[in-house]
Amino acid sequence: MRLARRVESMRFGLFIPQGWRLDLVGIPTENHWQVMSGLAAHADNGPWDSLWVYDHFHTVPLPTDEATHEAWTLMAAYAATTSRIKLGQMCTAISYRNPAYLAKVAATTDIISGGRVQMGIGGGWYEHEWRAYGYGFPSAGVRLGRLDEGVQIMRDAWRDGRVSFEGKHYQVDGAIVAPKPLQQNGIPLWIAGGGEKVTLKIAAKYAQYTNFTAEPAGFKSKSDILAAHCREVGTDFGAIVRSANVNAILGTSESDVQQRIGRVRDRLAGSCGDGAADAMLSMFSAPGSAAGTPEQVVESLTNLRNLGCEYVICYFPEAAYDRSGIELFEREVIPALA
C-alpha cells in the first residue's frame, strides 16, 4: 500500500438547492425547476467539477410542508439538461431503494448523462422520514450491514451487467442490469460518513471517494482511521480521494458576510422558528466552514487541503435567491486552490 499522495490542488462540487435545507422557501413551486436548472446550467458552464443534491424526503431541521424534491428524479433531469459536469448525491440512503433496482436507475441515468454520474451512498440517518415512508428505523448495525452488501451488489452489477448475491440483508438472483453504465469501471462510489468501526472500513474496501467532516482535527482523525482500515483489508489508501462538504457564505467584507447571514436567518426563522434557525446557522461559524471573505475562506480550505482533502462540495444557502456569493467564490477562491 502506498502513502497518500500530496494534495496540491482541489476540485469543487456545488450543491443545487432542492428544498431540503429550506432553501426554496418563498419561491413558487412552478418556478422551482427554473431556479434549480438555471443553477445547474451555471455550474455546468463554470469551474465546478460536479453538482450535487441531497437524498431526503423531509426538510431539516424540522419536517415541514415546504418542498423537498426527490434526488434521483433530479439526477435524471440534470443528466438530460447539462453536458459536462459530474452529477452526484450526498448521499443516497441505501435502504430507500433496493440496491439492484438502484444500480439499474443509476446505470440508466449514467447513459442519459453520457457517463457523468457519481454514486454517493451511505447508511441513512433521518429517522422521521424513515418512519414516515414506512421503512421503519433499524439499528445502525442493520443499516450499515445493508450498506456493505448494497455496494457489493451495485459494483458487481455495473461490472458484469448481471448480479446474484446471497447476503444477510439482500438476496439477488440473476438481476440483469443492461445496459451497463458508460463509465468503464462502473459508477464511482463515494461512501459517505465517518463511522470509525464500520463505515470507514466499508469505504476502505470499496470506495473510490470518501466524504466526512471538514473540521480539521476530525478530518485528520478520520483519515488516519481510514488508512488503518486500508492496511487491514489490503487496499490502497492513496488511491481513495478524500472529500468534505462545507457550508459557504461568502462576502466582500466581514460586514457583508454578516448581512448575508442575517438574510438567511430571517428566511429560515420564518419556516422553522428562531431556535432552529440559529442552530442551523451555527454550522457556518464552526471549524471547517467556508463562511467569510475570500481570503478567510482560502486560508481555511488551504488548511484542509494540507490535511489531504482533495475535493470540497460547497453548499450556499443563498443560491436560489442570490448567486453573487457563488460568483465571488468562483472568481477568488477556486483559482487560489485549483
C-alpha atoms as a PDB file:
ATOM      1  CA  MET A   1       0.000   0.000   0.000  1.00  0.00           C
ATOM      2  CA  ARG A   2       1.459   3.344  -0.996  1.00  0.00           C
ATOM      3  CA  LEU A   3       1.192   6.505   1.064  1.00  0.00           C
ATOM      4  CA  ALA A   4      -1.437   9.143   0.320  1.00  0.00           C
ATOM      5  CA  ARG A   5      -0.349  11.440  -2.478  1.00  0.00           C
ATOM      6  CA  ARG A   6       0.456  15.053  -1.718  1.00  0.00           C
ATOM      7  CA  VAL A   7      -2.581  17.193  -2.498  1.00  0.00           C
ATOM      8  CA  GLU A   8      -1.582  20.282  -4.455  1.00  0.00           C
ATOM      9  CA  SER A   9      -4.959  21.241  -5.870  1.00  0.00           C
ATOM     10  CA  MET A  10      -8.613  20.884  -5.028  1.00  0.00           C
ATOM     11  CA  ARG A  11     -11.646  20.092  -7.100  1.00  0.00           C
ATOM     12  CA  PHE A  12     -15.003  21.597  -6.233  1.00  0.00           C
ATOM     13  CA  GLY A  13     -18.616  20.492  -6.302  1.00  0.00           C
ATOM     14  CA  LEU A  14     -21.734  22.626  -5.844  1.00  0.00           C
ATOM     15  CA  PHE A  15     -24.949  21.655  -4.077  1.00  0.00           C
ATOM     16  CA  ILE A  16     -28.038  22.708  -6.025  1.00  0.00           C
ATOM     17  CA  PRO A  17     -30.870  23.781  -3.687  1.00  0.00           C
ATOM     18  CA  GLN A  18     -33.793  21.368  -3.732  1.00  0.00           C
ATOM     19  CA  GLY A  19     -35.683  22.490  -0.634  1.00  0.00           C
ATOM     20  CA  TRP A  20     -34.311  20.033   1.935  1.00  0.00           C
ATOM     21  CA  ARG A  21     -32.495  22.752   3.882  1.00  0.00           C
ATOM     22  CA  LEU A  22     -35.404  25.193   3.462  1.00  0.00           C
ATOM     23  CA  ASP A  23     -33.550  26.780   0.566  1.00  0.00           C
ATOM     24  CA  LEU A  24     -36.503  27.232  -1.825  1.00  0.00           C
ATOM     25  CA  VAL A  25     -38.825  28.908   0.693  1.00  0.00           C
ATOM     26  CA  GLY A  26     -40.876  31.713  -0.822  1.00  0.00           C
ATOM     27  CA  ILE A  27     -40.281  30.626  -4.415  1.00  0.00           C
ATOM     28  CA  PRO A  28     -43.496  29.455  -6.135  1.00  0.00           C
ATOM     29  CA  THR A  29     -43.481  25.719  -6.856  1.00  0.00           C
ATOM     30  CA  GLU A  30     -43.948  26.306 -10.564  1.00  0.00           C
ATOM     31  CA  ASN A  31     -40.632  28.212 -10.564  1.00  0.00           C
ATOM     32  CA  HIS A  32     -38.582  25.619  -8.662  1.00  0.00           C
ATOM     33  CA  TRP A  33     -37.292  23.773 -11.706  1.00  0.00           C
ATOM     34  CA  GLN A  34     -36.361  27.019 -13.429  1.00  0.00           C
ATOM     35  CA  VAL A  35     -34.306  28.031 -10.400  1.00  0.00           C
ATOM     36  CA  MET A  36     -32.666  24.620  -9.957  1.00  0.00           C
ATOM     37  CA  SER A  37     -31.945  24.027 -13.635  1.00  0.00           C
ATOM     38  CA  GLY A  38     -30.629  27.577 -14.002  1.00  0.00           C
ATOM     39  CA  LEU A  39     -28.108  26.989 -11.228  1.00  0.00           C
ATOM     40  CA  ALA A  40     -27.160  23.638 -12.750  1.00  0.00           C
ATOM     41  CA  ALA A  41     -26.525  25.328 -16.089  1.00  0.00           C
ATOM     42  CA  HIS A  42     -24.447  27.983 -14.324  1.00  0.00           C
ATOM     43  CA  ALA A  43     -22.340  25.267 -12.673  1.00  0.00           C
ATOM     44  CA  ASP A  44     -22.066  23.331 -15.950  1.00  0.00           C
ATOM     45  CA  ASN A  45     -20.609  26.403 -17.637  1.00  0.00           C
ATOM     46  CA  GLY A  46     -18.308  27.297 -14.747  1.00  0.00           C
ATOM     47  CA  PRO A  47     -15.269  25.937 -12.870  1.00  0.00           C
ATOM     48  CA  TRP A  48     -17.199  23.332 -10.890  1.00  0.00           C
ATOM     49  CA  ASP A  49     -16.277  19.664 -11.317  1.00  0.00           C
ATOM     50  CA  SER A  50     -19.629  18.361 -10.081  1.00  0.00           C
ATOM     51  CA  LEU A  51     -23.119  19.271  -8.893  1.00  0.00           C
ATOM     52  CA  TRP A  52     -24.890  17.553  -6.003  1.00  0.00           C
ATOM     53  CA  VAL A  53     -28.267  17.017  -4.397  1.00  0.00           C
ATOM     54  CA  TYR A  54     -29.309  15.514  -1.060  1.00  0.00           C
ATOM     55  CA  ASP A  55     -31.278  12.278  -0.819  1.00  0.00           C
ATOM     56  CA  HIS A  56     -34.006  13.249   1.630  1.00  0.00           C
ATOM     57  CA  PHE A  57     -37.789  13.436   1.684  1.00  0.00           C
ATOM     58  CA  HIS A  58     -38.472  15.808   4.618  1.00  0.00           C
ATOM     59  CA  THR A  59     -36.929  19.180   5.422  1.00  0.00           C
ATOM     60  CA  VAL A  60     -34.446  19.907   8.202  1.00  0.00           C
ATOM     61  CA  PRO A  61     -34.014  20.919  10.963  1.00  0.00           C
ATOM     62  CA  LEU A  62     -37.731  20.150  11.317  1.00  0.00           C
ATOM     63  CA  PRO A  63     -40.102  18.299   8.993  1.00  0.00           C
ATOM     64  CA  THR A  64     -42.295  20.919   7.323  1.00  0.00           C
ATOM     65  CA  ASP A  65     -44.627  21.082   4.343  1.00  0.00           C
ATOM     66  CA  GLU A  66     -42.013  23.029   2.370  1.00  0.00           C
ATOM     67  CA  ALA A  67     -40.641  21.426  -0.801  1.00  0.00           C
ATOM     68  CA  THR A  68     -38.055  18.653  -0.798  1.00  0.00           C
ATOM     69  CA  HIS A  69     -37.502  17.425  -4.353  1.00  0.00           C
ATOM     70  CA  GLU A  70     -36.508  13.784  -4.876  1.00  0.00           C
ATOM     71  CA  ALA A  71     -32.830  13.138  -5.584  1.00  0.00           C
ATOM     72  CA  TRP A  72     -32.760  10.559  -8.353  1.00  0.00           C
ATOM     73  CA  THR A  73     -35.528  12.255 -10.317  1.00  0.00           C
ATOM     74  CA  LEU A  74     -33.326  15.339 -10.263  1.00  0.00           C
ATOM     75  CA  MET A  75     -30.318  13.248 -11.295  1.00  0.00           C
ATOM     76  CA  ALA A  76     -32.108  12.140 -14.462  1.00  0.00           C
ATOM     77  CA  ALA A  77     -33.245  15.691 -15.185  1.00  0.00           C
ATOM     78  CA  TYR A  78     -29.737  17.103 -14.767  1.00  0.00           C
ATOM     79  CA  ALA A  79     -28.340  14.270 -16.857  1.00  0.00           C
ATOM     80  CA  ALA A  80     -30.560  15.416 -19.728  1.00  0.00           C
ATOM     81  CA  THR A  81     -30.047  19.168 -19.327  1.00  0.00           C
ATOM     82  CA  THR A  82     -26.312  19.515 -18.618  1.00  0.00           C
ATOM     83  CA  SER A  83     -23.409  18.494 -20.809  1.00  0.00           C
ATOM     84  CA  ARG A  84     -20.117  18.424 -18.887  1.00  0.00           C
ATOM     85  CA  ILE A  85     -20.457  18.450 -15.138  1.00  0.00           C
ATOM     86  CA  LYS A  86     -20.442  15.308 -12.985  1.00  0.00           C
ATOM     87  CA  LEU A  87     -23.684  14.505 -11.137  1.00  0.00           C
ATOM     88  CA  GLY A  88     -23.830  13.263  -7.549  1.00  0.00           C
ATOM     89  CA  GLN A  89     -25.979  12.754  -4.463  1.00  0.00           C
ATOM     90  CA  MET A  90     -24.632  13.312  -0.964  1.00  0.00           C
ATOM     91  CA  CYS A  91     -25.727  10.864  -0.187  1.00  0.00           C
ATOM     92  CA  THR A  92     -28.167   8.220  -1.361  1.00  0.00           C
ATOM     93  CA  ALA A  93     -29.576   6.225   1.576  1.00  0.00           C
ATOM     94  CA  ILE A  94     -29.074   2.568   0.733  1.00  0.00           C
ATOM     95  CA  SER A  95     -32.309   1.389   2.372  1.00  0.00           C
ATOM     96  CA  TYR A  96     -34.575   3.767   0.451  1.00  0.00           C
ATOM     97  CA  ARG A  97     -34.238   1.693  -2.748  1.00  0.00           C
ATOM     98  CA  ASN A  98     -33.419  -1.940  -3.376  1.00  0.00           C
ATOM     99  CA  PRO A  99     -29.738  -1.930  -4.430  1.00  0.00           C
ATOM    100  CA  ALA A 100     -30.257  -3.945  -7.617  1.00  0.00           C
ATOM    101  CA  TYR A 101     -33.025  -1.522  -8.610  1.00  0.00           C
ATOM    102  CA  LEU A 102     -30.798   1.420  -7.643  1.00  0.00           C
ATOM    103  CA  ALA A 103     -27.996   0.009  -9.788  1.00  0.00           C
ATOM    104  CA  LYS A 104     -30.431  -0.034 -12.721  1.00  0.00           C
ATOM    105  CA  VAL A 105     -31.618   3.532 -12.078  1.00  0.00           C
ATOM    106  CA  ALA A 106     -28.059   4.821 -11.782  1.00  0.00           C
ATOM    107  CA  ALA A 107     -26.930   2.987 -14.930  1.00  0.00           C
ATOM    108  CA  THR A 108     -29.781   4.475 -16.954  1.00  0.00           C
ATOM    109  CA  THR A 109     -29.018   7.938 -15.608  1.00  0.00           C
ATOM    110  CA  ASP A 110     -25.332   7.486 -16.440  1.00  0.00           C
ATOM    111  CA  ILE A 111     -26.257   6.673 -20.023  1.00  0.00           C
ATOM    112  CA  ILE A 112     -28.527   9.698 -20.286  1.00  0.00           C
ATOM    113  CA  SER A 113     -25.682  11.867 -18.980  1.00  0.00           C
ATOM    114  CA  GLY A 114     -23.028  10.443 -21.289  1.00  0.00           C
ATOM    115  CA  GLY A 115     -21.117   8.883 -18.383  1.00  0.00           C
ATOM    116  CA  ARG A 116     -21.138  11.557 -15.666  1.00  0.00           C
ATOM    117  CA  VAL A 117     -22.970  10.026 -12.692  1.00  0.00           C
ATOM    118  CA  GLN A 118     -21.324   9.572  -9.276  1.00  0.00           C
ATOM    119  CA  MET A 119     -22.825   7.328  -6.584  1.00  0.00           C
ATOM    120  CA  GLY A 120     -22.791   8.952  -3.168  1.00  0.00           C
ATOM    121  CA  ILE A 121     -24.023   6.275  -0.778  1.00  0.00           C
ATOM    122  CA  GLY A 122     -24.489   5.903   2.974  1.00  0.00           C
ATOM    123  CA  GLY A 123     -26.428   4.108   5.650  1.00  0.00           C
ATOM    124  CA  GLY A 124     -29.034   6.848   6.225  1.00  0.00           C
ATOM    125  CA  TRP A 125     -29.901   8.617   9.472  1.00  0.00           C
ATOM    126  CA  TYR A 126     -33.054  10.813   9.322  1.00  0.00           C
ATOM    127  CA  GLU A 127     -35.394   8.755  11.491  1.00  0.00           C
ATOM    128  CA  HIS A 128     -38.503  10.873  10.947  1.00  0.00           C
ATOM    129  CA  GLU A 129     -38.579  10.349   7.189  1.00  0.00           C
ATOM    130  CA  TRP A 130     -37.642   6.673   7.512  1.00  0.00           C
ATOM    131  CA  ARG A 131     -40.676   6.008   9.685  1.00  0.00           C
ATOM    132  CA  ALA A 132     -42.969   8.340   7.737  1.00  0.00           C
ATOM    133  CA  TYR A 133     -42.233   6.478   4.492  1.00  0.00           C
ATOM    134  CA  GLY A 134     -42.721   3.065   6.047  1.00  0.00           C
ATOM    135  CA  TYR A 135     -39.099   1.925   6.210  1.00  0.00           C
ATOM    136  CA  GLY A 136     -39.072   1.525   9.984  1.00  0.00           C
ATOM    137  CA  PHE A 137     -35.783   2.554  11.524  1.00  0.00           C
ATOM    138  CA  PRO A 138     -33.493  -0.429  12.003  1.00  0.00           C
ATOM    139  CA  SER A 139     -30.393  -0.321  14.166  1.00  0.00           C
ATOM    140  CA  ALA A 140     -27.191   1.277  12.918  1.00  0.00           C
ATOM    141  CA  GLY A 141     -25.745  -2.215  12.574  1.00  0.00           C
ATOM    142  CA  VAL A 142     -28.515  -3.252  10.195  1.00  0.00           C
ATOM    143  CA  ARG A 143     -28.330  -0.027   8.202  1.00  0.00           C
ATOM    144  CA  LEU A 144     -24.579  -0.373   7.773  1.00  0.00           C
ATOM    145  CA  GLY A 145     -24.873  -4.070   7.012  1.00  0.00           C
ATOM    146  CA  ARG A 146     -27.190  -3.141   4.168  1.00  0.00           C
ATOM    147  CA  LEU A 147     -24.669  -0.547   3.008  1.00  0.00           C
ATOM    148  CA  ASP A 148     -21.869  -3.116   2.854  1.00  0.00           C
ATOM    149  CA  GLU A 149     -23.978  -5.613   0.915  1.00  0.00           C
ATOM    150  CA  GLY A 150     -25.616  -2.971  -1.275  1.00  0.00           C
ATOM    151  CA  VAL A 151     -22.382  -1.513  -2.594  1.00  0.00           C
ATOM    152  CA  GLN A 152     -21.182  -5.011  -3.481  1.00  0.00           C
ATOM    153  CA  ILE A 153     -24.378  -5.612  -5.458  1.00  0.00           C
ATOM    154  CA  MET A 154     -24.071  -2.323  -7.331  1.00  0.00           C
ATOM    155  CA  ARG A 155     -20.370  -2.797  -8.036  1.00  0.00           C
ATOM    156  CA  ASP A 156     -20.923  -6.287  -9.457  1.00  0.00           C
ATOM    157  CA  ALA A 157     -23.995  -5.247 -11.448  1.00  0.00           C
ATOM    158  CA  TRP A 158     -22.136  -2.382 -13.117  1.00  0.00           C
ATOM    159  CA  ARG A 159     -19.091  -4.529 -13.811  1.00  0.00           C
ATOM    160  CA  ASP A 160     -20.841  -7.619 -15.154  1.00  0.00           C
ATOM    161  CA  GLY A 161     -24.294  -6.468 -16.246  1.00  0.00           C
ATOM    162  CA  ARG A 162     -25.831  -9.275 -14.218  1.00  0.00           C
ATOM    163  CA  VAL A 163     -25.659  -9.913 -10.491  1.00  0.00           C
ATOM    164  CA  SER A 164     -26.507 -12.641  -7.992  1.00  0.00           C
ATOM    165  CA  PHE A 165     -25.932 -12.165  -4.292  1.00  0.00           C
ATOM    166  CA  GLU A 166     -26.901 -14.086  -1.182  1.00  0.00           C
ATOM    167  CA  GLY A 167     -26.447 -11.954   1.904  1.00  0.00           C
ATOM    168  CA  LYS A 168     -27.943 -11.412   5.305  1.00  0.00           C
ATOM    169  CA  HIS A 169     -29.896  -8.357   4.192  1.00  0.00           C
ATOM    170  CA  TYR A 170     -30.212  -8.682   0.396  1.00  0.00           C
ATOM    171  CA  GLN A 171     -30.733 -11.571  -1.972  1.00  0.00           C
ATOM    172  CA  VAL A 172     -30.448 -11.070  -5.726  1.00  0.00           C
ATOM    173  CA  ASP A 173     -30.865 -13.908  -8.218  1.00  0.00           C
ATOM    174  CA  GLY A 174     -29.597 -13.129 -11.694  1.00  0.00           C
ATOM    175  CA  ALA A 175     -30.688  -9.486 -11.825  1.00  0.00           C
ATOM    176  CA  ILE A 176     -29.852  -8.106 -15.263  1.00  0.00           C
ATOM    177  CA  VAL A 177     -28.561  -4.532 -15.319  1.00  0.00           C
ATOM    178  CA  ALA A 178     -28.348  -3.897 -19.040  1.00  0.00           C
ATOM    179  CA  PRO A 179     -27.107  -1.768 -20.491  1.00  0.00           C
ATOM    180  CA  LYS A 180     -24.277  -1.215 -18.069  1.00  0.00           C
ATOM    181  CA  PRO A 181     -23.122   2.311 -17.194  1.00  0.00           C
ATOM    182  CA  LEU A 182     -20.988   4.039 -19.801  1.00  0.00           C
ATOM    183  CA  GLN A 183     -18.124   4.546 -17.360  1.00  0.00           C
ATOM    184  CA  GLN A 184     -15.662   1.739 -17.996  1.00  0.00           C
ATOM    185  CA  ASN A 185     -15.136   0.701 -14.380  1.00  0.00           C
ATOM    186  CA  GLY A 186     -18.699   1.387 -13.312  1.00  0.00           C
ATOM    187  CA  ILE A 187     -20.059   4.406 -11.481  1.00  0.00           C
ATOM    188  CA  PRO A 188     -17.592   5.780  -8.893  1.00  0.00           C
ATOM    189  CA  LEU A 189     -18.583   5.027  -5.301  1.00  0.00           C
ATOM    190  CA  TRP A 190     -18.474   7.885  -2.801  1.00  0.00           C
ATOM    191  CA  ILE A 191     -19.011   6.194   0.555  1.00  0.00           C
ATOM    192  CA  ALA A 192     -20.144   8.893   2.946  1.00  0.00           C
ATOM    193  CA  GLY A 193     -19.951   9.028   6.709  1.00  0.00           C
ATOM    194  CA  GLY A 194     -17.326   8.988   9.415  1.00  0.00           C
ATOM    195  CA  GLY A 195     -18.328   5.976  11.490  1.00  0.00           C
ATOM    196  CA  GLU A 196     -14.962   4.704  12.580  1.00  0.00           C
ATOM    197  CA  LYS A 197     -15.518   0.974  13.085  1.00  0.00           C
ATOM    198  CA  VAL A 198     -17.865   0.157  10.214  1.00  0.00           C
ATOM    199  CA  THR A 199     -18.453   2.963   7.673  1.00  0.00           C
ATOM    200  CA  LEU A 200     -14.785   3.779   7.165  1.00  0.00           C
ATOM    201  CA  LYS A 201     -13.979   0.081   6.869  1.00  0.00           C
ATOM    202  CA  ILE A 202     -16.636  -0.265   4.166  1.00  0.00           C
ATOM    203  CA  ALA A 203     -15.035   2.746   2.461  1.00  0.00           C
ATOM    204  CA  ALA A 204     -11.609   1.129   2.703  1.00  0.00           C
ATOM    205  CA  LYS A 205     -12.952  -1.962   0.937  1.00  0.00           C
ATOM    206  CA  TYR A 206     -14.995  -0.417  -1.852  1.00  0.00           C
ATOM    207  CA  ALA A 207     -14.745   3.384  -2.198  1.00  0.00           C
ATOM    208  CA  GLN A 208     -13.098   5.472  -4.851  1.00  0.00           C
ATOM    209  CA  TYR A 209     -14.059   8.544  -2.780  1.00  0.00           C
ATOM    210  CA  THR A 210     -14.903   9.152   0.861  1.00  0.00           C
ATOM    211  CA  ASN A 211     -16.792  12.042   2.391  1.00  0.00           C
ATOM    212  CA  PHE A 212     -16.570  13.014   6.042  1.00  0.00           C
ATOM    213  CA  THR A 213     -16.199  16.027   8.320  1.00  0.00           C
ATOM    214  CA  ALA A 214     -14.455  19.220   7.184  1.00  0.00           C
ATOM    215  CA  GLU A 215     -13.500  20.064  10.784  1.00  0.00           C
ATOM    216  CA  PRO A 216      -9.686  19.879  10.606  1.00  0.00           C
ATOM    217  CA  ALA A 217      -8.958  17.740  13.665  1.00  0.00           C
ATOM    218  CA  GLY A 218     -11.822  15.425  12.793  1.00  0.00           C
ATOM    219  CA  PHE A 219     -10.728  15.184   9.163  1.00  0.00           C
ATOM    220  CA  LYS A 220      -7.217  14.171  10.204  1.00  0.00           C
ATOM    221  CA  SER A 221      -8.522  11.614  12.695  1.00  0.00           C
ATOM    222  CA  LYS A 222     -10.928  10.037  10.186  1.00  0.00           C
ATOM    223  CA  SER A 223      -8.150   9.946   7.580  1.00  0.00           C
ATOM    224  CA  ASP A 224      -5.835   8.094   9.965  1.00  0.00           C
ATOM    225  CA  ILE A 225      -8.552   5.571  10.762  1.00  0.00           C
ATOM    226  CA  LEU A 226      -9.339   5.078   7.066  1.00  0.00           C
ATOM    227  CA  ALA A 227      -5.633   4.456   6.419  1.00  0.00           C
ATOM    228  CA  ALA A 228      -5.557   1.844   9.172  1.00  0.00           C
ATOM    229  CA  HIS A 229      -8.583   0.065   7.686  1.00  0.00           C
ATOM    230  CA  CYS A 230      -6.908   0.109   4.268  1.00  0.00           C
ATOM    231  CA  ARG A 231      -3.864  -1.570   5.742  1.00  0.00           C
ATOM    232  CA  GLU A 232      -6.091  -4.165   7.391  1.00  0.00           C
ATOM    233  CA  VAL A 233      -8.072  -5.056   4.262  1.00  0.00           C
ATOM    234  CA  GLY A 234      -5.164  -4.627   1.841  1.00  0.00           C
ATOM    235  CA  THR A 235      -6.428  -1.745  -0.261  1.00  0.00           C
ATOM    236  CA  ASP A 236      -4.638   1.393  -1.449  1.00  0.00           C
ATOM    237  CA  PHE A 237      -5.295   4.336   0.856  1.00  0.00           C
ATOM    238  CA  GLY A 238      -3.515   6.653  -1.564  1.00  0.00           C
ATOM    239  CA  ALA A 239      -5.978   5.810  -4.338  1.00  0.00           C
ATOM    240  CA  ILE A 240      -9.023   6.948  -2.334  1.00  0.00           C
ATOM    241  CA  VAL A 241      -9.955  10.590  -2.824  1.00  0.00           C
ATOM    242  CA  ARG A 242     -10.992  12.155   0.476  1.00  0.00           C
ATOM    243  CA  SER A 243     -13.685  14.821   0.253  1.00  0.00           C
ATOM    244  CA  ALA A 244     -15.659  17.045   2.619  1.00  0.00           C
ATOM    245  CA  ASN A 245     -18.794  19.178   2.472  1.00  0.00           C
ATOM    246  CA  VAL A 246     -18.542  22.820   3.512  1.00  0.00           C
ATOM    247  CA  ASN A 247     -21.200  25.405   4.292  1.00  0.00           C
ATOM    248  CA  ALA A 248     -20.387  28.588   2.413  1.00  0.00           C
ATOM    249  CA  ILE A 249     -21.464  32.194   2.795  1.00  0.00           C
ATOM    250  CA  LEU A 250     -19.028  34.485   1.009  1.00  0.00           C
ATOM    251  CA  GLY A 251     -18.911  38.275   1.199  1.00  0.00           C
ATOM    252  CA  THR A 252     -16.595  41.041   0.102  1.00  0.00           C
ATOM    253  CA  SER A 253     -16.126  42.171   3.727  1.00  0.00           C
ATOM    254  CA  GLU A 254     -16.941  40.874   7.180  1.00  0.00           C
ATOM    255  CA  SER A 255     -19.932  43.214   7.376  1.00  0.00           C
ATOM    256  CA  ASP A 256     -21.174  41.895   4.028  1.00  0.00           C
ATOM    257  CA  VAL A 257     -20.869  38.338   5.366  1.00  0.00           C
ATOM    258  CA  GLN A 258     -22.888  39.236   8.463  1.00  0.00           C
ATOM    259  CA  GLN A 259     -25.601  40.883   6.381  1.00  0.00           C
ATOM    260  CA  ARG A 260     -25.878  37.782   4.217  1.00  0.00           C
ATOM    261  CA  ILE A 261     -26.103  35.560   7.298  1.00  0.00           C
ATOM    262  CA  GLY A 262     -28.845  37.821   8.652  1.00  0.00           C
ATOM    263  CA  ARG A 263     -30.902  37.448   5.480  1.00  0.00           C
ATOM    264  CA  VAL A 264     -30.526  33.657   5.575  1.00  0.00           C
ATOM    265  CA  ARG A 265     -31.541  33.628   9.246  1.00  0.00           C
ATOM    266  CA  ASP A 266     -34.669  35.661   8.606  1.00  0.00           C
ATOM    267  CA  ARG A 267     -35.779  33.297   5.873  1.00  0.00           C
ATOM    268  CA  LEU A 268     -35.125  30.181   7.959  1.00  0.00           C
ATOM    269  CA  ALA A 269     -36.774  31.581  11.079  1.00  0.00           C
ATOM    270  CA  GLY A 270     -39.956  32.183   9.111  1.00  0.00           C
ATOM    271  CA  SER A 271     -40.222  28.445   8.425  1.00  0.00           C
ATOM    272  CA  CYS A 272     -38.718  26.717  11.451  1.00  0.00           C
ATOM    273  CA  GLY A 273     -38.549  29.321  14.230  1.00  0.00           C
ATOM    274  CA  ASP A 274     -35.733  31.298  15.818  1.00  0.00           C
ATOM    275  CA  GLY A 275     -34.134  28.491  17.797  1.00  0.00           C
ATOM    276  CA  ALA A 276     -33.897  26.070  14.895  1.00  0.00           C
ATOM    277  CA  ALA A 277     -32.681  28.817  12.569  1.00  0.00           C
ATOM    278  CA  ASP A 278     -29.902  29.771  14.977  1.00  0.00           C
ATOM    279  CA  ALA A 279     -28.911  26.119  15.326  1.00  0.00           C
ATOM    280  CA  MET A 280     -28.695  25.728  11.564  1.00  0.00           C
ATOM    281  CA  LEU A 281     -26.610  28.874  11.199  1.00  0.00           C
ATOM    282  CA  SER A 282     -24.176  27.796  13.900  1.00  0.00           C
ATOM    283  CA  MET A 283     -22.576  25.467  11.367  1.00  0.00           C
ATOM    284  CA  PHE A 284     -21.388  28.499   9.421  1.00  0.00           C
ATOM    285  CA  SER A 285     -19.183  29.531  12.333  1.00  0.00           C
ATOM    286  CA  ALA A 286     -17.942  26.012  13.073  1.00  0.00           C
ATOM    287  CA  PRO A 287     -14.359  24.960  12.280  1.00  0.00           C
ATOM    288  CA  GLY A 288     -14.126  23.827   8.686  1.00  0.00           C
ATOM    289  CA  SER A 289     -16.872  26.092   7.356  1.00  0.00           C
ATOM    290  CA  ALA A 290     -16.379  28.276   4.291  1.00  0.00           C
ATOM    291  CA  ALA A 291     -18.056  31.408   5.628  1.00  0.00           C
ATOM    292  CA  GLY A 292     -16.146  34.670   5.427  1.00  0.00           C
ATOM    293  CA  THR A 293     -14.255  36.831   2.990  1.00  0.00           C
ATOM    294  CA  PRO A 294     -12.422  35.162   0.116  1.00  0.00           C
ATOM    295  CA  GLU A 295      -9.126  35.494   1.957  1.00  0.00           C
ATOM    296  CA  GLN A 296     -10.519  33.832   5.072  1.00  0.00           C
ATOM    297  CA  VAL A 297     -12.091  31.011   3.091  1.00  0.00           C
ATOM    298  CA  VAL A 298      -8.925  30.377   1.077  1.00  0.00           C
ATOM    299  CA  GLU A 299      -6.972  30.109   4.334  1.00  0.00           C
ATOM    300  CA  SER A 300      -9.498  27.670   5.822  1.00  0.00           C
ATOM    301  CA  LEU A 301      -9.618  25.460   2.737  1.00  0.00           C
ATOM    302  CA  THR A 302      -5.832  25.552   2.336  1.00  0.00           C
ATOM    303  CA  ASN A 303      -5.542  24.090   5.818  1.00  0.00           C
ATOM    304  CA  LEU A 304      -7.981  21.353   4.842  1.00  0.00           C
ATOM    305  CA  ARG A 305      -6.090  20.664   1.621  1.00  0.00           C
ATOM    306  CA  ASN A 306      -2.848  20.326   3.584  1.00  0.00           C
ATOM    307  CA  LEU A 307      -4.509  17.540   5.580  1.00  0.00           C
ATOM    308  CA  GLY A 308      -5.160  15.592   2.386  1.00  0.00           C
ATOM    309  CA  CYS A 309      -8.608  16.822   1.341  1.00  0.00           C
ATOM    310  CA  GLU A 310      -8.685  16.820  -2.423  1.00  0.00           C
ATOM    311  CA  TYR A 311     -12.352  17.536  -3.058  1.00  0.00           C
ATOM    312  CA  VAL A 312     -14.746  20.044  -1.475  1.00  0.00           C
ATOM    313  CA  ILE A 313     -18.502  20.173  -2.068  1.00  0.00           C
ATOM    314  CA  CYS A 314     -19.956  23.594  -1.281  1.00  0.00           C
ATOM    315  CA  TYR A 315     -23.424  24.399  -0.002  1.00  0.00           C
ATOM    316  CA  PHE A 316     -24.540  28.040  -0.397  1.00  0.00           C
ATOM    317  CA  PRO A 317     -27.823  28.725   1.457  1.00  0.00           C
ATOM    318  CA  GLU A 318     -28.337  31.841  -0.692  1.00  0.00           C
ATOM    319  CA  ALA A 319     -28.036  30.013  -4.005  1.00  0.00           C
ATOM    320  CA  ALA A 320     -31.703  30.114  -5.061  1.00  0.00           C
ATOM    321  CA  TYR A 321     -32.014  33.814  -4.245  1.00  0.00           C
ATOM    322  CA  ASP A 322     -28.614  35.391  -4.880  1.00  0.00           C
ATOM    323  CA  ARG A 323     -25.711  33.979  -6.903  1.00  0.00           C
ATOM    324  CA  SER A 324     -23.236  36.715  -6.030  1.00  0.00           C
ATOM    325  CA  GLY A 325     -21.603  34.672  -3.254  1.00  0.00           C
ATOM    326  CA  ILE A 326     -21.154  31.726  -5.638  1.00  0.00           C
ATOM    327  CA  GLU A 327     -19.692  34.019  -8.272  1.00  0.00           C
ATOM    328  CA  LEU A 328     -17.274  35.526  -5.734  1.00  0.00           C
ATOM    329  CA  PHE A 329     -16.182  32.002  -4.778  1.00  0.00           C
ATOM    330  CA  GLU A 330     -15.641  31.187  -8.454  1.00  0.00           C
ATOM    331  CA  ARG A 331     -13.536  34.299  -9.031  1.00  0.00           C
ATOM    332  CA  GLU A 332     -11.392  34.359  -5.917  1.00  0.00           C
ATOM    333  CA  VAL A 333     -11.430  31.039  -4.081  1.00  0.00           C
ATOM    334  CA  ILE A 334     -11.379  28.310  -6.720  1.00  0.00           C
ATOM    335  CA  PRO A 335      -8.432  29.775  -8.687  1.00  0.00           C
ATOM    336  CA  ALA A 336      -6.383  30.052  -5.487  1.00  0.00           C
ATOM    337  CA  LEU A 337      -6.823  26.345  -4.699  1.00  0.00           C
ATOM    338  CA  ALA A 338      -7.370  24.648  -8.054  1.00  0.00           C
END
